Amino acid sequence: MAQPQLEEEKATPRHPKKTNTTRRLQTLNRKGGSGKSTTSGSYAEELGRMGYRVLVADLDANATLTKGVGIRLGELKYSIYDILMSPRTLLETRDAIVQLKHLNFDILPGSENLAFAEPALLMARRQRVLQERLAEVDDEYDFVIIDTAGHESFLHTLGHVYADEVIVPTEADITNWETVVQTLQSVRKVVEDGLNPKMRVRAIIVTRYQQGTKFGEAMLRKLNAEYGDLLLPMVVMQTVRVREAQAFNQPITAYDPESQPAKAYRKLAEHIERG
């Protein structure tokens, strides 16, 4: 399969900014397999299609989103790892950003080396390093989205410090209930501890929903009862089209914009746009 074309030079603006203030989001769930990277890429693409300038920072040591848009890690000159571990005098943040010709957002690529960066950043108490480095390019984007790993880590803390809004994707399975509760509690703790007083949950979105299943219906009922004000009304159905999109290195919103999952992510993007 042919790889998507990537810009060789620094990412440059495709059109003027539409917002006065950069919106900072984090896609967060403390469980792997909840659809975080799929969700981040899908609503990033949709916001880009709406005319906004969007950057996604892949803060996952698995680099799932980066690989999912067709980037070969071994061919990258720089990644988010290099940005976090290098001073600005040696490497500017925009030097690591990749503009994707086949999609409507830019990406600060992930790296498997993030697993080695985490203990060094933790020991040095550098919880604000991502905030500092992204500040270099904030004014160039309407939305900056942080895609995080499934397990709680110091890398999550970097995203917490930076992001003011949180999107929580959760698989439509009642066994994931406790993880959702823990994820929301972690956001409250970030606010209460003063790490980021502005942080708030913007939306919960149910992913991989299989209609007619008791575990899926039970999850929806419980979410509606406890967090109805945060729950996006439209679920993301589990369909083969999402997997096809992944195989062709595209978010579902780019691969099949009229599919049910794409429409659900469009609703999420519209919800985010309304602020």
Protein backbone atom coordinates (compact mmCIF):
# COMPACT_ATOMS: atom_id res chain seq x y z
CA MET A 1 0.00 0.00 0.00
CA ALA A 2 1.36 3.43 -0.94
CA GLN A 3 2.29 5.65 1.94
CA PRO A 4 0.70 9.12 2.18
CA GLN A 5 2.87 12.00 1.08
CA LEU A 6 4.33 14.15 3.84
CA GLU A 7 5.72 17.66 3.61
CA GLU A 8 9.51 17.71 3.73
CA GLU A 9 9.64 21.30 5.02
CA LYS A 10 8.22 22.80 8.21
CA ALA A 11 4.43 22.82 8.44
CA THR A 12 3.15 26.14 7.11
CA PRO A 13 -0.30 27.73 7.59
CA ARG A 14 -2.90 26.50 5.08
CA HIS A 15 -5.30 29.40 5.80
CA PRO A 16 -5.74 32.14 8.41
CA LYS A 17 -6.74 31.31 11.96
CA LYS A 18 -10.46 31.54 12.73
CA THR A 19 -10.22 31.91 16.52
CA ASN A 20 -8.57 34.59 18.64
CA THR A 21 -7.58 32.14 21.36
CA THR A 22 -6.13 28.69 20.78
CA ARG A 23 -8.36 25.92 22.15
CA ARG A 24 -6.37 23.23 23.99
CA LEU A 25 -7.88 19.76 24.22
CA GLN A 26 -6.81 16.39 25.60
CA THR A 27 -8.37 13.09 24.54
CA LEU A 28 -8.26 11.07 27.73
CA ASN A 29 -9.21 7.66 29.10
CA ARG A 30 -7.13 5.63 31.54
CA LYS A 31 -7.87 2.41 29.66
CA GLY A 32 -6.27 1.24 26.44
CA GLY A 33 -8.54 0.29 23.55
CA SER A 34 -11.17 2.92 24.30
CA GLY A 35 -10.82 4.57 20.90
CA LYS A 36 -8.72 7.59 21.91
CA SER A 37 -6.50 7.76 18.83
CA THR A 38 -9.42 7.04 16.49
CA THR A 39 -11.40 9.77 18.21
CA SER A 40 -8.54 12.31 18.20
CA GLY A 41 -7.81 11.81 14.51
CA SER A 42 -11.49 11.86 13.56
CA TYR A 43 -12.53 15.06 15.26
CA ALA A 44 -9.22 16.72 14.33
CA GLU A 45 -9.91 15.95 10.68
CA GLU A 46 -13.48 17.21 10.97
CA LEU A 47 -12.40 20.47 12.61
CA GLY A 48 -9.85 20.85 9.81
CA ARG A 49 -12.55 20.29 7.20
CA MET A 50 -14.56 23.02 8.93
CA GLY A 51 -11.77 25.46 8.14
CA TYR A 52 -9.88 25.50 11.43
CA ARG A 53 -6.14 25.12 11.75
CA VAL A 54 -5.57 22.00 13.84
CA LEU A 55 -2.51 20.38 15.38
CA VAL A 56 -2.51 16.95 17.03
CA ALA A 57 0.35 16.12 19.41
CA ASP A 58 0.80 12.36 19.76
CA LEU A 59 1.83 11.86 23.39
CA ASP A 60 1.57 8.07 23.26
CA ALA A 61 4.65 5.85 23.42
CA ASN A 62 2.86 3.46 21.06
CA ALA A 63 2.52 6.32 18.53
CA THR A 64 -0.80 4.80 17.45
CA LEU A 65 -2.17 7.93 15.81
CA THR A 66 1.12 8.76 14.09
CA LYS A 67 1.33 5.31 12.53
CA GLY A 68 -2.40 5.44 11.83
CA VAL A 69 -2.01 8.38 9.45
CA GLY A 70 0.69 6.58 7.51
CA ILE A 71 3.88 7.95 9.05
CA ARG A 72 6.79 5.53 9.33
CA LEU A 73 8.52 6.24 12.61
CA GLY A 74 11.94 5.21 11.30
CA GLU A 75 11.75 7.85 8.56
CA LEU A 76 11.07 10.77 10.88
CA LYS A 77 13.82 13.31 11.45
CA TYR A 78 12.22 14.61 14.67
CA SER A 79 9.32 13.65 16.92
CA ILE A 80 7.63 14.86 20.08
CA TYR A 81 10.35 12.99 22.00
CA ASP A 82 13.02 15.28 20.55
CA ILE A 83 10.93 18.35 21.39
CA LEU A 84 10.46 17.30 25.01
CA MET A 85 14.12 16.40 25.49
CA SER A 86 15.78 19.28 23.60
CA PRO A 87 15.98 22.98 24.45
CA ARG A 88 14.50 25.48 22.01
CA THR A 89 17.98 26.76 21.21
CA LEU A 90 18.74 23.40 19.57
CA LEU A 91 15.34 22.47 18.13
CA GLU A 92 12.18 24.51 17.59
CA THR A 93 8.81 22.84 17.98
CA ARG A 94 7.68 23.74 14.46
CA ASP A 95 10.70 21.83 13.07
CA ALA A 96 9.11 18.55 14.22
CA ILE A 97 5.56 19.24 13.01
CA VAL A 98 4.47 17.32 9.92
CA GLN A 99 1.84 18.67 7.53
CA LEU A 100 -0.18 15.83 6.04
CA LYS A 101 -1.10 16.37 2.41
CA HIS A 102 -3.90 13.79 2.53
CA LEU A 103 -5.55 15.17 5.69
CA ASN A 104 -6.70 18.49 7.12
CA PHE A 105 -4.57 18.67 10.25
CA ASP A 106 -0.90 18.78 11.19
CA ILE A 107 0.74 16.34 13.57
CA LEU A 108 3.54 16.47 16.10
CA PRO A 109 4.50 12.82 15.68
CA GLY A 110 4.72 10.35 18.52
CA SER A 111 7.71 8.17 19.28
CA GLU A 112 8.35 4.86 20.95
CA ASN A 113 11.23 6.64 22.72
CA LEU A 114 8.68 8.44 24.91
CA ALA A 115 8.90 5.46 27.25
CA PHE A 116 12.53 6.45 27.93
CA ALA A 117 11.73 10.17 28.21
CA GLU A 118 9.12 9.71 30.93
CA PRO A 119 11.40 8.77 33.86
CA ALA A 120 13.88 11.54 32.98
CA LEU A 121 11.15 14.18 32.85
CA LEU A 122 9.61 12.88 36.07
CA MET A 123 12.90 12.99 37.99
CA ALA A 124 13.52 16.53 36.76
CA ARG A 125 9.92 17.51 37.68
CA ARG A 126 9.41 18.95 34.22
CA GLN A 127 5.62 18.70 34.17
CA ARG A 128 5.34 21.97 32.23
CA VAL A 129 7.72 21.10 29.41
CA LEU A 130 4.96 20.27 26.90
CA GLN A 131 3.15 23.50 27.74
CA GLU A 132 6.36 25.46 27.23
CA ARG A 133 7.19 23.83 23.90
CA LEU A 134 3.67 24.05 22.46
CA ALA A 135 3.55 27.73 23.43
CA GLU A 136 5.95 28.26 20.51
CA VAL A 137 3.25 27.34 18.00
CA ASP A 138 -0.02 28.00 19.85
CA ASP A 139 -0.66 31.19 17.89
CA GLU A 140 -0.50 29.26 14.62
CA TYR A 141 -3.44 26.95 15.40
CA ASP A 142 -7.11 27.26 16.34
CA PHE A 143 -7.12 23.87 18.07
CA VAL A 144 -4.30 21.83 19.59
CA ILE A 145 -5.28 18.27 20.55
CA ILE A 146 -3.22 16.03 22.84
CA ASP A 147 -3.65 12.31 22.20
CA THR A 148 -2.56 10.31 25.26
CA ALA A 149 -1.78 6.70 26.14
CA GLY A 150 -4.24 4.34 27.82
CA HIS A 151 -2.37 3.93 31.10
CA GLU A 152 -1.89 6.63 33.73
CA SER A 153 1.62 8.07 33.52
CA PHE A 154 3.68 11.23 33.83
CA LEU A 155 3.01 11.83 30.14
CA HIS A 156 -0.65 12.26 31.09
CA THR A 157 0.44 14.97 33.51
CA LEU A 158 2.14 16.86 30.67
CA GLY A 159 -1.17 16.86 28.82
CA HIS A 160 -3.12 17.84 31.95
CA VAL A 161 -0.97 20.92 32.47
CA TYR A 162 -1.47 22.04 28.88
CA ALA A 163 -5.09 21.21 28.03
CA ASP A 164 -8.10 23.15 29.29
CA GLU A 165 -10.73 20.83 27.78
CA VAL A 166 -11.01 17.05 27.96
CA ILE A 167 -12.76 14.66 25.59
CA VAL A 168 -13.42 11.22 27.11
CA PRO A 169 -14.07 8.39 24.64
CA THR A 170 -15.29 5.13 26.16
CA GLU A 171 -16.05 1.79 24.64
CA ALA A 172 -19.72 0.80 24.92
CA ASP A 173 -19.19 -1.87 27.57
CA ILE A 174 -20.41 -1.69 31.18
CA THR A 175 -17.14 -3.30 32.30
CA ASN A 176 -15.45 0.01 31.43
CA TRP A 177 -17.61 1.99 33.84
CA GLU A 178 -15.03 2.23 36.63
CA THR A 179 -12.40 3.49 34.21
CA VAL A 180 -14.67 6.32 33.13
CA VAL A 181 -15.28 7.25 36.76
CA GLN A 182 -11.53 7.16 37.50
CA THR A 183 -10.77 9.28 34.44
CA LEU A 184 -13.27 11.95 35.50
CA GLN A 185 -11.93 11.85 39.06
CA SER A 186 -8.40 12.42 37.74
CA VAL A 187 -9.60 15.58 35.96
CA ARG A 188 -11.20 16.86 39.19
CA LYS A 189 -7.95 16.19 41.05
CA VAL A 190 -5.96 18.18 38.48
CA VAL A 191 -8.27 21.14 39.14
CA GLU A 192 -8.40 20.75 42.94
CA ASP A 193 -4.62 20.38 43.25
CA GLY A 194 -4.09 23.55 41.25
CA LEU A 195 -2.13 21.81 38.49
CA ASN A 196 -4.55 23.28 35.93
CA PRO A 197 -7.52 25.11 37.46
CA LYS A 198 -9.03 25.76 34.00
CA MET A 199 -9.37 22.08 33.08
CA ARG A 200 -12.87 20.70 32.49
CA VAL A 201 -14.50 17.76 30.78
CA ARG A 202 -16.05 18.92 27.53
CA ALA A 203 -17.72 15.69 26.39
CA ILE A 204 -17.99 11.93 26.85
CA ILE A 205 -18.44 10.00 23.61
CA VAL A 206 -19.39 6.33 23.41
CA THR A 207 -17.38 4.40 20.82
CA ARG A 208 -17.63 0.91 19.28
CA TYR A 209 -21.33 0.64 20.10
CA GLN A 210 -23.03 -2.58 19.07
CA GLN A 211 -26.77 -2.04 18.87
CA GLY A 212 -28.92 -4.48 20.80
CA THR A 213 -26.21 -5.70 23.16
CA LYS A 214 -27.09 -5.73 26.85
CA PHE A 215 -23.61 -4.57 27.94
CA GLY A 216 -23.76 -1.63 25.54
CA GLU A 217 -27.28 -0.61 26.56
CA ALA A 218 -26.34 -0.90 30.25
CA MET A 219 -23.36 1.42 29.72
CA LEU A 220 -25.51 4.01 27.94
CA ARG A 221 -28.15 3.94 30.69
CA LYS A 222 -25.56 4.43 33.42
CA LEU A 223 -23.76 7.21 31.57
CA ASN A 224 -27.06 8.99 30.95
CA ALA A 225 -28.05 8.68 34.58
CA GLU A 226 -24.74 9.87 36.03
CA TYR A 227 -23.23 12.12 33.35
CA GLY A 228 -26.08 13.00 31.03
CA ASP A 229 -24.94 16.64 30.83
CA LEU A 230 -21.57 15.54 29.42
CA LEU A 231 -22.64 12.61 27.24
CA LEU A 232 -22.71 13.23 23.49
CA PRO A 233 -26.19 12.10 22.31
CA MET A 234 -24.83 10.31 19.23
CA VAL A 235 -22.78 7.12 19.70
CA VAL A 236 -20.09 5.80 17.35
CA MET A 237 -21.32 2.50 15.95
CA GLN A 238 -18.90 -0.37 15.51
CA THR A 239 -18.64 -0.84 11.75
CA VAL A 240 -16.16 -2.34 9.32
CA ARG A 241 -15.73 1.07 7.69
CA VAL A 242 -13.71 2.33 10.65
CA ARG A 243 -11.26 -0.56 10.28
CA GLU A 244 -11.08 0.02 6.53
CA ALA A 245 -10.24 3.68 7.18
CA GLN A 246 -7.41 2.63 9.50
CA ALA A 247 -6.05 0.29 6.84
CA PHE A 248 -5.89 3.23 4.41
CA ASN A 249 -4.23 5.55 6.96
CA GLN A 250 -7.20 7.88 7.32
CA PRO A 251 -9.65 8.89 10.01
CA ILE A 252 -13.17 7.71 9.25
CA THR A 253 -14.21 11.36 8.77
CA ALA A 254 -11.87 11.52 5.76
CA TYR A 255 -12.33 7.98 4.46
CA ASP A 256 -16.13 7.84 4.49
CA PRO A 257 -17.64 11.19 5.61
CA GLU A 258 -21.22 9.92 5.24
CA SER A 259 -20.80 6.80 7.38
CA GLN A 260 -22.49 6.65 10.78
CA PRO A 261 -19.20 6.85 12.75
CA ALA A 262 -18.10 9.89 10.72
CA LYS A 263 -21.41 11.63 11.40
CA ALA A 264 -21.01 10.94 15.13
CA TYR A 265 -17.53 12.46 15.14
CA ARG A 266 -18.89 15.41 13.15
CA LYS A 267 -21.40 15.97 15.95
CA LEU A 268 -18.51 15.90 18.41
CA ALA A 269 -16.58 18.48 16.36
CA GLU A 270 -19.66 20.71 16.19
CA HIS A 271 -20.13 20.34 19.94
CA ILE A 272 -16.52 21.36 20.51
CA GLU A 273 -16.82 24.26 18.06
CA ARG A 274 -19.75 25.70 20.05
CA GLY A 275 -17.46 25.87 23.07
